Amino acid sequence: MPQAFDALCEYLRRHSGLVMDQSKKYLVESRVMPIIRRERLSGLDELVALLNKPQSAKIAKDVIEAMTINETYFFRDKAPFDQFRNVTLPALMAARQGEKRLRIWSAAASTGQEAYSLAMILDEFSPRLAGWKIEIVATDLSDQVLEKARKGIYSQFEVQRGLPAPMLLRHFNQIGESWQISDHIRSKVTFRQLNLLSDFTSLGRFDIIFCRNVLIYFDAARKADILARMTRVLAPDGFVTLGASESLIGLKTDLVSHPEQRGLFMRGSAADVQTPRFAPPRFEQQASPALPAGFGAAALAASSRARTFG
């Protein structure tokens, strides 16, 4: 069994970049066990023996997907979205007044909450973004989570995690006991399958890249490689947002920390450029409609009127 576990970890490292060790043994085994039972295998040893056989490509894909499904929720950690609303978006809107174009990449999109959170913030800026072309590209290794993301249907539990009640009422439609994000917001996000270990230059250039809570699963060499390639597709004055527990310490990269914003990074050549800021949009407030039965989130500030962008 120890040899089988080590072999599985090496397979995951080579094919997905994930670094697993004995400290994550329970996590690894618990996630592959449903596959072992489904395929009626004797255990981890037989699963590992199958992984490198061409006829087992489907099982190999399922194993990688099982290990790469990460937790996410709307407006996770809050601070990165406050930075987007108050710092990066205003700065780039000021810098792009001529071309009126912005491209944003959610590089570990999972089931879509991060990308849709960004789209909902952009909706707040719609009066200032009239006539702009804005693209949100969301990628993930797992086809399974991308399928859920494209549908935009979330359980009561999922919409109660991090999503302000007024945004639920403004941007979602209730379907039985679930909630589906509006066609308007869904149309602003394009989901694509992508392995960060592969070439992603075909995605084009981006002004803002969210790559949160995924680099922690890679070793230092792969982290540096991914960040180097991301920097090459980042606009000279663009921004990269990493997760709260991620840093560039010990990594050779052309990115530098924003002087005032934790978790926000820029190209080194842009480090001495003052980041322009202006107040986020303020809209007339109106009384919040009654919350649906069973919605446990506290009623927050009054809901803004629905607006469109693009």
C-alpha atoms as a PDB file:
ATOM      1  CA  MET A   1       0.000   0.000   0.000  1.00  0.00           C
ATOM      2  CA  PRO A   2       2.738   2.611   0.797  1.00  0.00           C
ATOM      3  CA  GLN A   3       4.319   1.993  -2.610  1.00  0.00           C
ATOM      4  CA  ALA A   4       0.954   2.324  -4.339  1.00  0.00           C
ATOM      5  CA  PHE A   5       0.264   5.616  -2.563  1.00  0.00           C
ATOM      6  CA  ASP A   6       3.681   6.995  -3.552  1.00  0.00           C
ATOM      7  CA  ALA A   7       3.116   5.904  -7.149  1.00  0.00           C
ATOM      8  CA  LEU A   8      -0.265   7.615  -7.213  1.00  0.00           C
ATOM      9  CA  CYS A   9       1.255  10.824  -5.843  1.00  0.00           C
ATOM     10  CA  GLU A  10       3.934  10.729  -8.538  1.00  0.00           C
ATOM     11  CA  TYR A  11       1.289  10.194 -11.212  1.00  0.00           C
ATOM     12  CA  LEU A  12      -0.685  13.197  -9.955  1.00  0.00           C
ATOM     13  CA  ARG A  13       2.468  15.335  -9.873  1.00  0.00           C
ATOM     14  CA  ARG A  14       3.401  14.493 -13.457  1.00  0.00           C
ATOM     15  CA  HIS A  15      -0.062  14.859 -14.970  1.00  0.00           C
ATOM     16  CA  SER A  16      -1.634  17.665 -12.949  1.00  0.00           C
ATOM     17  CA  GLY A  17       1.222  19.285 -11.042  1.00  0.00           C
ATOM     18  CA  LEU A  18      -0.414  18.517  -7.696  1.00  0.00           C
ATOM     19  CA  VAL A  19       2.036  17.794  -4.908  1.00  0.00           C
ATOM     20  CA  MET A  20       0.695  15.274  -2.410  1.00  0.00           C
ATOM     21  CA  ASP A  21       2.523  13.576   0.452  1.00  0.00           C
ATOM     22  CA  GLN A  22       1.828  11.400   3.474  1.00  0.00           C
ATOM     23  CA  SER A  23       0.184  14.325   5.264  1.00  0.00           C
ATOM     24  CA  LYS A  24      -2.564  14.245   2.629  1.00  0.00           C
ATOM     25  CA  LYS A  25      -2.927  10.480   2.512  1.00  0.00           C
ATOM     26  CA  TYR A  26      -6.432  10.471   3.985  1.00  0.00           C
ATOM     27  CA  LEU A  27      -7.597  13.156   1.509  1.00  0.00           C
ATOM     28  CA  VAL A  28      -6.155  11.275  -1.477  1.00  0.00           C
ATOM     29  CA  GLU A  29      -7.578   7.923  -0.463  1.00  0.00           C
ATOM     30  CA  SER A  30     -11.026   9.324   0.396  1.00  0.00           C
ATOM     31  CA  ARG A  31     -11.313  11.012  -3.001  1.00  0.00           C
ATOM     32  CA  VAL A  32     -10.250   8.027  -5.105  1.00  0.00           C
ATOM     33  CA  MET A  33     -12.194   5.444  -3.094  1.00  0.00           C
ATOM     34  CA  PRO A  34     -15.491   6.096  -4.958  1.00  0.00           C
ATOM     35  CA  ILE A  35     -13.649   5.389  -8.221  1.00  0.00           C
ATOM     36  CA  ILE A  36     -12.185   2.192  -6.812  1.00  0.00           C
ATOM     37  CA  ARG A  37     -15.651   1.032  -5.738  1.00  0.00           C
ATOM     38  CA  ARG A  38     -17.273   2.065  -9.026  1.00  0.00           C
ATOM     39  CA  GLU A  39     -14.702   0.128 -11.064  1.00  0.00           C
ATOM     40  CA  ARG A  40     -14.837  -2.825  -8.654  1.00  0.00           C
ATOM     41  CA  LEU A  41     -11.102  -2.712  -8.063  1.00  0.00           C
ATOM     42  CA  SER A  42      -9.418  -4.517  -5.196  1.00  0.00           C
ATOM     43  CA  GLY A  43      -7.793  -1.361  -3.875  1.00  0.00           C
ATOM     44  CA  LEU A  44      -5.233   1.381  -4.470  1.00  0.00           C
ATOM     45  CA  ASP A  45      -2.664  -1.045  -5.889  1.00  0.00           C
ATOM     46  CA  GLU A  46      -4.950  -2.128  -8.732  1.00  0.00           C
ATOM     47  CA  LEU A  47      -5.984   1.467  -9.427  1.00  0.00           C
ATOM     48  CA  VAL A  48      -2.363   2.567  -9.795  1.00  0.00           C
ATOM     49  CA  ALA A  49      -1.647  -0.395 -12.069  1.00  0.00           C
ATOM     50  CA  LEU A  50      -4.446   0.771 -14.391  1.00  0.00           C
ATOM     51  CA  LEU A  51      -3.520   4.435 -14.598  1.00  0.00           C
ATOM     52  CA  ASN A  52      -0.751   4.140 -17.172  1.00  0.00           C
ATOM     53  CA  LYS A  53      -2.649   1.828 -19.500  1.00  0.00           C
ATOM     54  CA  PRO A  54      -4.043   3.552 -22.637  1.00  0.00           C
ATOM     55  CA  GLN A  55      -7.424   1.873 -22.261  1.00  0.00           C
ATOM     56  CA  SER A  56      -7.793   3.439 -18.816  1.00  0.00           C
ATOM     57  CA  ALA A  57      -7.731   7.075 -19.957  1.00  0.00           C
ATOM     58  CA  LYS A  58     -11.226   7.664 -18.559  1.00  0.00           C
ATOM     59  CA  ILE A  59     -10.254   6.353 -15.120  1.00  0.00           C
ATOM     60  CA  ALA A  60      -7.064   8.434 -15.160  1.00  0.00           C
ATOM     61  CA  LYS A  61      -9.089  11.553 -15.968  1.00  0.00           C
ATOM     62  CA  ASP A  62     -11.552  10.772 -13.179  1.00  0.00           C
ATOM     63  CA  VAL A  63      -8.722  10.376 -10.659  1.00  0.00           C
ATOM     64  CA  ILE A  64      -7.215  13.744 -11.549  1.00  0.00           C
ATOM     65  CA  GLU A  65     -10.601  15.444 -11.439  1.00  0.00           C
ATOM     66  CA  ALA A  66     -11.355  13.903  -8.052  1.00  0.00           C
ATOM     67  CA  MET A  67      -8.164  15.430  -6.675  1.00  0.00           C
ATOM     68  CA  THR A  68      -8.601  18.873  -8.203  1.00  0.00           C
ATOM     69  CA  ILE A  69     -12.119  19.718  -7.010  1.00  0.00           C
ATOM     70  CA  ASN A  70     -11.436  22.555  -4.587  1.00  0.00           C
ATOM     71  CA  GLU A  71     -13.698  24.431  -2.227  1.00  0.00           C
ATOM     72  CA  THR A  72     -15.016  27.751  -3.441  1.00  0.00           C
ATOM     73  CA  TYR A  73     -17.846  30.135  -2.685  1.00  0.00           C
ATOM     74  CA  PHE A  74     -19.113  33.544  -3.726  1.00  0.00           C
ATOM     75  CA  PHE A  75     -16.867  36.486  -2.795  1.00  0.00           C
ATOM     76  CA  ARG A  76     -14.494  34.114  -1.029  1.00  0.00           C
ATOM     77  CA  ASP A  77     -12.176  35.940   1.417  1.00  0.00           C
ATOM     78  CA  LYS A  78     -13.836  39.288   0.523  1.00  0.00           C
ATOM     79  CA  ALA A  79     -10.567  41.312   0.384  1.00  0.00           C
ATOM     80  CA  PRO A  80      -9.647  40.341  -3.222  1.00  0.00           C
ATOM     81  CA  PHE A  81     -13.072  41.452  -4.411  1.00  0.00           C
ATOM     82  CA  ASP A  82     -12.815  44.713  -2.489  1.00  0.00           C
ATOM     83  CA  GLN A  83      -9.466  45.257  -4.235  1.00  0.00           C
ATOM     84  CA  PHE A  84     -11.081  44.515  -7.585  1.00  0.00           C
ATOM     85  CA  ARG A  85     -13.910  46.974  -6.929  1.00  0.00           C
ATOM     86  CA  ASN A  86     -11.826  49.750  -5.336  1.00  0.00           C
ATOM     87  CA  VAL A  87      -8.307  49.456  -6.789  1.00  0.00           C
ATOM     88  CA  THR A  88      -7.662  47.352  -9.887  1.00  0.00           C
ATOM     89  CA  LEU A  89     -10.853  47.972 -11.816  1.00  0.00           C
ATOM     90  CA  PRO A  90     -10.830  51.775 -11.317  1.00  0.00           C
ATOM     91  CA  ALA A  91      -7.129  51.929 -12.213  1.00  0.00           C
ATOM     92  CA  LEU A  92      -7.612  50.034 -15.449  1.00  0.00           C
ATOM     93  CA  MET A  93     -10.788  51.891 -16.356  1.00  0.00           C
ATOM     94  CA  ALA A  94      -8.780  55.100 -16.141  1.00  0.00           C
ATOM     95  CA  ALA A  95      -5.933  53.628 -18.203  1.00  0.00           C
ATOM     96  CA  ARG A  96      -8.215  52.089 -20.856  1.00  0.00           C
ATOM     97  CA  GLN A  97     -10.477  55.058 -21.563  1.00  0.00           C
ATOM     98  CA  GLY A  98      -9.247  55.128 -25.146  1.00  0.00           C
ATOM     99  CA  GLU A  99      -9.705  51.491 -26.128  1.00  0.00           C
ATOM    100  CA  LYS A 100     -12.559  50.699 -23.692  1.00  0.00           C
ATOM    101  CA  ARG A 101     -11.627  47.038 -23.388  1.00  0.00           C
ATOM    102  CA  LEU A 102     -10.834  44.806 -20.409  1.00  0.00           C
ATOM    103  CA  ARG A 103     -10.027  41.111 -20.201  1.00  0.00           C
ATOM    104  CA  ILE A 104     -10.127  39.185 -16.932  1.00  0.00           C
ATOM    105  CA  TRP A 105      -8.985  35.613 -16.289  1.00  0.00           C
ATOM    106  CA  SER A 106     -10.236  33.452 -13.426  1.00  0.00           C
ATOM    107  CA  ALA A 107      -7.501  30.831 -13.641  1.00  0.00           C
ATOM    108  CA  ALA A 108      -8.853  28.252 -11.194  1.00  0.00           C
ATOM    109  CA  ALA A 109     -12.563  28.767 -11.654  1.00  0.00           C
ATOM    110  CA  SER A 110     -13.876  25.566 -10.069  1.00  0.00           C
ATOM    111  CA  THR A 111     -17.697  25.721 -10.038  1.00  0.00           C
ATOM    112  CA  GLY A 112     -17.804  29.347 -11.169  1.00  0.00           C
ATOM    113  CA  GLN A 113     -18.461  31.384  -8.029  1.00  0.00           C
ATOM    114  CA  GLU A 114     -15.308  33.494  -8.392  1.00  0.00           C
ATOM    115  CA  ALA A 115     -15.962  34.444 -12.017  1.00  0.00           C
ATOM    116  CA  TYR A 116     -19.625  35.198 -11.346  1.00  0.00           C
ATOM    117  CA  SER A 117     -18.671  37.312  -8.313  1.00  0.00           C
ATOM    118  CA  LEU A 118     -16.463  39.432 -10.592  1.00  0.00           C
ATOM    119  CA  ALA A 119     -19.273  39.716 -13.137  1.00  0.00           C
ATOM    120  CA  MET A 120     -21.675  40.935 -10.450  1.00  0.00           C
ATOM    121  CA  ILE A 121     -19.209  43.629  -9.375  1.00  0.00           C
ATOM    122  CA  LEU A 122     -18.796  44.721 -12.987  1.00  0.00           C
ATOM    123  CA  ASP A 123     -22.552  45.049 -13.161  1.00  0.00           C
ATOM    124  CA  GLU A 124     -22.311  47.691 -10.418  1.00  0.00           C
ATOM    125  CA  PHE A 125     -20.068  49.759 -12.699  1.00  0.00           C
ATOM    126  CA  SER A 126     -22.316  49.455 -15.740  1.00  0.00           C
ATOM    127  CA  PRO A 127     -23.069  53.204 -16.084  1.00  0.00           C
ATOM    128  CA  ARG A 128     -19.330  53.886 -16.366  1.00  0.00           C
ATOM    129  CA  LEU A 129     -18.731  50.866 -18.584  1.00  0.00           C
ATOM    130  CA  ALA A 130     -21.314  51.656 -21.263  1.00  0.00           C
ATOM    131  CA  GLY A 131     -19.733  50.913 -24.627  1.00  0.00           C
ATOM    132  CA  TRP A 132     -16.889  48.864 -23.154  1.00  0.00           C
ATOM    133  CA  LYS A 133     -16.001  45.351 -24.305  1.00  0.00           C
ATOM    134  CA  ILE A 134     -15.362  43.223 -21.235  1.00  0.00           C
ATOM    135  CA  GLU A 135     -14.426  39.555 -21.267  1.00  0.00           C
ATOM    136  CA  ILE A 136     -14.196  37.186 -18.330  1.00  0.00           C
ATOM    137  CA  VAL A 137     -12.480  33.907 -19.184  1.00  0.00           C
ATOM    138  CA  ALA A 138     -12.747  31.219 -16.503  1.00  0.00           C
ATOM    139  CA  THR A 139     -10.682  28.035 -16.726  1.00  0.00           C
ATOM    140  CA  ASP A 140     -10.285  24.859 -14.727  1.00  0.00           C
ATOM    141  CA  LEU A 141      -8.728  21.445 -15.185  1.00  0.00           C
ATOM    142  CA  SER A 142     -11.931  19.614 -14.282  1.00  0.00           C
ATOM    143  CA  ASP A 143     -14.674  19.164 -16.876  1.00  0.00           C
ATOM    144  CA  GLN A 144     -16.987  18.124 -14.061  1.00  0.00           C
ATOM    145  CA  VAL A 145     -16.847  21.428 -12.206  1.00  0.00           C
ATOM    146  CA  LEU A 146     -16.956  23.428 -15.445  1.00  0.00           C
ATOM    147  CA  GLU A 147     -20.219  21.739 -16.395  1.00  0.00           C
ATOM    148  CA  LYS A 148     -21.738  22.913 -13.114  1.00  0.00           C
ATOM    149  CA  ALA A 149     -20.257  26.387 -13.586  1.00  0.00           C
ATOM    150  CA  ARG A 150     -21.793  26.817 -17.032  1.00  0.00           C
ATOM    151  CA  LYS A 151     -25.239  25.910 -15.716  1.00  0.00           C
ATOM    152  CA  GLY A 152     -24.859  28.380 -12.861  1.00  0.00           C
ATOM    153  CA  ILE A 153     -27.197  26.440 -10.581  1.00  0.00           C
ATOM    154  CA  TYR A 154     -26.370  26.449  -6.875  1.00  0.00           C
ATOM    155  CA  SER A 155     -27.922  24.965  -3.766  1.00  0.00           C
ATOM    156  CA  GLN A 156     -29.395  26.973  -0.901  1.00  0.00           C
ATOM    157  CA  PHE A 157     -26.215  26.259   1.072  1.00  0.00           C
ATOM    158  CA  GLU A 158     -23.972  27.492  -1.742  1.00  0.00           C
ATOM    159  CA  VAL A 159     -25.758  30.810  -2.221  1.00  0.00           C
ATOM    160  CA  GLN A 160     -25.741  31.453   1.519  1.00  0.00           C
ATOM    161  CA  ARG A 161     -21.936  31.253   1.638  1.00  0.00           C
ATOM    162  CA  GLY A 162     -20.544  34.717   0.973  1.00  0.00           C
ATOM    163  CA  LEU A 163     -23.294  35.988  -1.314  1.00  0.00           C
ATOM    164  CA  PRO A 164     -24.996  39.183  -0.044  1.00  0.00           C
ATOM    165  CA  ALA A 165     -28.763  38.777   0.074  1.00  0.00           C
ATOM    166  CA  PRO A 166     -29.464  41.752  -2.248  1.00  0.00           C
ATOM    167  CA  MET A 167     -27.221  40.187  -4.912  1.00  0.00           C
ATOM    168  CA  LEU A 168     -29.080  36.892  -4.631  1.00  0.00           C
ATOM    169  CA  LEU A 169     -32.377  38.670  -5.190  1.00  0.00           C
ATOM    170  CA  ARG A 170     -31.072  40.778  -8.045  1.00  0.00           C
ATOM    171  CA  HIS A 171     -29.046  38.234  -9.998  1.00  0.00           C
ATOM    172  CA  PHE A 172     -30.583  34.806  -9.307  1.00  0.00           C
ATOM    173  CA  ASN A 173     -33.802  32.995 -10.127  1.00  0.00           C
ATOM    174  CA  GLN A 174     -35.148  30.364  -7.777  1.00  0.00           C
ATOM    175  CA  ILE A 175     -35.666  26.908  -9.257  1.00  0.00           C
ATOM    176  CA  GLY A 176     -37.279  24.671  -6.687  1.00  0.00           C
ATOM    177  CA  GLU A 177     -34.804  24.486  -3.822  1.00  0.00           C
ATOM    178  CA  SER A 178     -31.915  25.723  -5.989  1.00  0.00           C
ATOM    179  CA  TRP A 179     -30.908  29.060  -7.468  1.00  0.00           C
ATOM    180  CA  GLN A 180     -29.709  29.801 -11.007  1.00  0.00           C
ATOM    181  CA  ILE A 181     -27.696  32.899 -11.799  1.00  0.00           C
ATOM    182  CA  SER A 182     -29.305  35.134 -14.411  1.00  0.00           C
ATOM    183  CA  ASP A 183     -28.657  34.692 -18.122  1.00  0.00           C
ATOM    184  CA  HIS A 184     -27.316  38.243 -18.155  1.00  0.00           C
ATOM    185  CA  ILE A 185     -24.517  37.484 -15.679  1.00  0.00           C
ATOM    186  CA  ARG A 186     -23.825  34.018 -17.112  1.00  0.00           C
ATOM    187  CA  SER A 187     -23.397  35.504 -20.583  1.00  0.00           C
ATOM    188  CA  LYS A 188     -20.453  37.583 -19.328  1.00  0.00           C
ATOM    189  CA  VAL A 189     -18.319  34.531 -18.485  1.00  0.00           C
ATOM    190  CA  THR A 190     -16.734  32.060 -20.892  1.00  0.00           C
ATOM    191  CA  PHE A 191     -15.668  28.756 -19.316  1.00  0.00           C
ATOM    192  CA  ARG A 192     -12.843  26.710 -20.833  1.00  0.00           C
ATOM    193  CA  GLN A 193     -11.042  23.548 -19.775  1.00  0.00           C
ATOM    194  CA  LEU A 194      -7.338  24.185 -19.165  1.00  0.00           C
ATOM    195  CA  ASN A 195      -4.434  22.525 -17.404  1.00  0.00           C
ATOM    196  CA  LEU A 196      -2.141  25.237 -15.985  1.00  0.00           C
ATOM    197  CA  LEU A 197       0.820  23.008 -16.798  1.00  0.00           C
ATOM    198  CA  SER A 198       0.029  23.343 -20.510  1.00  0.00           C
ATOM    199  CA  ASP A 199       0.542  26.299 -22.826  1.00  0.00           C
ATOM    200  CA  PHE A 200      -2.117  28.986 -22.400  1.00  0.00           C
ATOM    201  CA  THR A 201      -0.890  31.698 -24.764  1.00  0.00           C
ATOM    202  CA  SER A 202      -3.902  30.958 -26.976  1.00  0.00           C
ATOM    203  CA  LEU A 203      -6.082  32.614 -24.317  1.00  0.00           C
ATOM    204  CA  GLY A 204      -4.650  35.993 -25.282  1.00  0.00           C
ATOM    205  CA  ARG A 205      -3.593  38.929 -23.124  1.00  0.00           C
ATOM    206  CA  PHE A 206      -5.263  39.824 -19.829  1.00  0.00           C
ATOM    207  CA  ASP A 207      -5.531  42.960 -17.733  1.00  0.00           C
ATOM    208  CA  ILE A 208      -6.436  41.152 -14.505  1.00  0.00           C
ATOM    209  CA  ILE A 209      -5.646  37.563 -13.530  1.00  0.00           C
ATOM    210  CA  PHE A 210      -7.204  35.864 -10.497  1.00  0.00           C
ATOM    211  CA  CYS A 211      -5.137  32.781  -9.621  1.00  0.00           C
ATOM    212  CA  ARG A 212      -6.220  32.055  -6.080  1.00  0.00           C
ATOM    213  CA  ASN A 213      -5.761  29.023  -3.849  1.00  0.00           C
ATOM    214  CA  VAL A 214      -4.328  26.787  -6.544  1.00  0.00           C
ATOM    215  CA  LEU A 215      -0.552  27.438  -6.533  1.00  0.00           C
ATOM    216  CA  ILE A 216      -0.360  26.011  -3.018  1.00  0.00           C
ATOM    217  CA  TYR A 217      -0.756  22.555  -4.596  1.00  0.00           C
ATOM    218  CA  PHE A 218       2.336  22.910  -6.811  1.00  0.00           C
ATOM    219  CA  ASP A 219       6.021  22.621  -5.996  1.00  0.00           C
ATOM    220  CA  ALA A 220       8.244  25.725  -6.209  1.00  0.00           C
ATOM    221  CA  ALA A 221       9.527  25.014  -9.718  1.00  0.00           C
ATOM    222  CA  ARG A 222       6.045  24.614 -11.162  1.00  0.00           C
ATOM    223  CA  LYS A 223       4.774  27.674  -9.294  1.00  0.00           C
ATOM    224  CA  ALA A 224       7.566  29.766 -10.782  1.00  0.00           C
ATOM    225  CA  ASP A 225       6.907  28.379 -14.253  1.00  0.00           C
ATOM    226  CA  ILE A 226       3.157  29.072 -14.092  1.00  0.00           C
ATOM    227  CA  LEU A 227       3.690  32.611 -12.786  1.00  0.00           C
ATOM    228  CA  ALA A 228       6.324  33.317 -15.441  1.00  0.00           C
ATOM    229  CA  ARG A 229       3.944  32.256 -18.200  1.00  0.00           C
ATOM    230  CA  MET A 230       1.092  34.220 -16.636  1.00  0.00           C
ATOM    231  CA  THR A 231       3.285  37.307 -16.560  1.00  0.00           C
ATOM    232  CA  ARG A 232       3.871  36.934 -20.293  1.00  0.00           C
ATOM    233  CA  VAL A 233       0.116  37.108 -20.985  1.00  0.00           C
ATOM    234  CA  LEU A 234      -0.414  39.969 -18.507  1.00  0.00           C
ATOM    235  CA  ALA A 235      -0.726  43.534 -19.769  1.00  0.00           C
ATOM    236  CA  PRO A 236       2.267  45.718 -18.776  1.00  0.00           C
ATOM    237  CA  ASP A 237       0.076  47.603 -16.279  1.00  0.00           C
ATOM    238  CA  GLY A 238      -2.060  44.613 -15.341  1.00  0.00           C
ATOM    239  CA  PHE A 239      -2.635  42.925 -11.986  1.00  0.00           C
ATOM    240  CA  VAL A 240      -2.420  39.388 -10.584  1.00  0.00           C
ATOM    241  CA  THR A 241      -4.414  38.405  -7.500  1.00  0.00           C
ATOM    242  CA  LEU A 242      -3.211  35.382  -5.512  1.00  0.00           C
ATOM    243  CA  GLY A 243      -4.764  33.585  -2.554  1.00  0.00           C
ATOM    244  CA  ALA A 244      -4.393  34.787   1.019  1.00  0.00           C
ATOM    245  CA  SER A 245      -1.901  32.040   1.886  1.00  0.00           C
ATOM    246  CA  GLU A 246       0.146  32.370  -1.316  1.00  0.00           C
ATOM    247  CA  SER A 247       3.238  34.507  -1.786  1.00  0.00           C
ATOM    248  CA  LEU A 248       6.206  34.941  -4.119  1.00  0.00           C
ATOM    249  CA  ILE A 249       8.790  34.336  -1.407  1.00  0.00           C
ATOM    250  CA  GLY A 250      11.552  32.112  -2.727  1.00  0.00           C
ATOM    251  CA  LEU A 251      10.269  32.264  -6.315  1.00  0.00           C
ATOM    252  CA  LYS A 252      12.065  33.854  -9.226  1.00  0.00           C
ATOM    253  CA  THR A 253       9.415  35.962 -10.941  1.00  0.00           C
ATOM    254  CA  ASP A 254       8.954  39.319 -12.641  1.00  0.00           C
ATOM    255  CA  LEU A 255       5.946  40.066 -10.444  1.00  0.00           C
ATOM    256  CA  VAL A 256       6.202  42.350  -7.414  1.00  0.00           C
ATOM    257  CA  SER A 257       3.814  43.040  -4.561  1.00  0.00           C
ATOM    258  CA  HIS A 258       1.516  46.015  -4.772  1.00  0.00           C
ATOM    259  CA  PRO A 259       2.867  48.573  -2.252  1.00  0.00           C
ATOM    260  CA  GLU A 260      -0.457  48.890  -0.448  1.00  0.00           C
ATOM    261  CA  GLN A 261      -2.551  45.803  -1.234  1.00  0.00           C
ATOM    262  CA  ARG A 262      -1.819  42.376   0.210  1.00  0.00           C
ATOM    263  CA  GLY A 263      -2.160  39.529  -2.269  1.00  0.00           C
ATOM    264  CA  LEU A 264      -2.074  41.861  -5.272  1.00  0.00           C
ATOM    265  CA  PHE A 265       0.868  41.794  -7.681  1.00  0.00           C
ATOM    266  CA  MET A 266       2.101  43.712 -10.719  1.00  0.00           C
ATOM    267  CA  ARG A 267       4.883  43.485 -13.242  1.00  0.00           C
ATOM    268  CA  GLY A 268       8.150  44.770 -11.801  1.00  0.00           C
ATOM    269  CA  SER A 269       8.286  47.437 -14.507  1.00  0.00           C
ATOM    270  CA  ALA A 270       4.982  48.841 -13.251  1.00  0.00           C
ATOM    271  CA  ALA A 271       5.922  48.877  -9.567  1.00  0.00           C
ATOM    272  CA  ASP A 272       6.877  52.554  -9.514  1.00  0.00           C
ATOM    273  CA  VAL A 273       3.707  53.632 -11.289  1.00  0.00           C
ATOM    274  CA  GLN A 274       1.129  55.231  -9.013  1.00  0.00           C
ATOM    275  CA  THR A 275      -2.064  53.181  -8.982  1.00  0.00           C
ATOM    276  CA  PRO A 276      -4.924  55.612  -9.611  1.00  0.00           C
ATOM    277  CA  ARG A 277      -7.959  55.098  -7.465  1.00  0.00           C
ATOM    278  CA  PHE A 278     -11.397  56.576  -7.280  1.00  0.00           C
ATOM    279  CA  ALA A 279     -14.470  55.819  -5.290  1.00  0.00           C
ATOM    280  CA  PRO A 280     -16.555  52.836  -6.359  1.00  0.00           C
ATOM    281  CA  PRO A 281     -19.984  53.623  -7.781  1.00  0.00           C
ATOM    282  CA  ARG A 282     -22.700  54.720  -5.415  1.00  0.00           C
ATOM    283  CA  PHE A 283     -26.281  54.115  -6.345  1.00  0.00           C
ATOM    284  CA  GLU A 284     -29.610  55.158  -4.939  1.00  0.00           C
ATOM    285  CA  GLN A 285     -30.756  52.785  -2.291  1.00  0.00           C
ATOM    286  CA  GLN A 286     -34.161  51.222  -2.126  1.00  0.00           C
ATOM    287  CA  ALA A 287     -35.809  49.001   0.407  1.00  0.00           C
ATOM    288  CA  SER A 288     -34.661  45.419   0.146  1.00  0.00           C
ATOM    289  CA  PRO A 289     -37.405  42.990  -0.871  1.00  0.00           C
ATOM    290  CA  ALA A 290     -38.318  40.292   1.592  1.00  0.00           C
ATOM    291  CA  LEU A 291     -35.893  37.404   1.685  1.00  0.00           C
ATOM    292  CA  PRO A 292     -37.131  34.017   0.479  1.00  0.00           C
ATOM    293  CA  ALA A 293     -38.122  31.546   3.122  1.00  0.00           C
ATOM    294  CA  GLY A 294     -35.158  29.581   4.400  1.00  0.00           C
ATOM    295  CA  PHE A 295     -32.551  32.122   3.376  1.00  0.00           C
ATOM    296  CA  GLY A 296     -30.410  32.504   6.481  1.00  0.00           C
ATOM    297  CA  ALA A 297     -27.978  35.259   5.446  1.00  0.00           C
ATOM    298  CA  ALA A 298     -28.444  38.535   7.229  1.00  0.00           C
ATOM    299  CA  ALA A 299     -30.032  41.284   5.183  1.00  0.00           C
ATOM    300  CA  LEU A 300     -27.223  43.597   4.191  1.00  0.00           C
ATOM    301  CA  ALA A 301     -27.224  47.070   2.661  1.00  0.00           C
ATOM    302  CA  ALA A 302     -30.161  47.914   0.461  1.00  0.00           C
ATOM    303  CA  SER A 303     -30.087  46.479  -3.011  1.00  0.00           C
ATOM    304  CA  SER A 304     -28.849  48.530  -5.960  1.00  0.00           C
ATOM    305  CA  ARG A 305     -31.031  48.730  -9.026  1.00  0.00           C
ATOM    306  CA  ALA A 306     -30.154  46.112 -11.605  1.00  0.00           C
ATOM    307  CA  ARG A 307     -27.943  47.379 -14.420  1.00  0.00           C
ATOM    308  CA  THR A 308     -26.120  45.876 -17.371  1.00  0.00           C
ATOM    309  CA  PHE A 309     -22.612  46.288 -18.676  1.00  0.00           C
ATOM    310  CA  GLY A 310     -20.922  45.731 -22.016  1.00  0.00           C
END
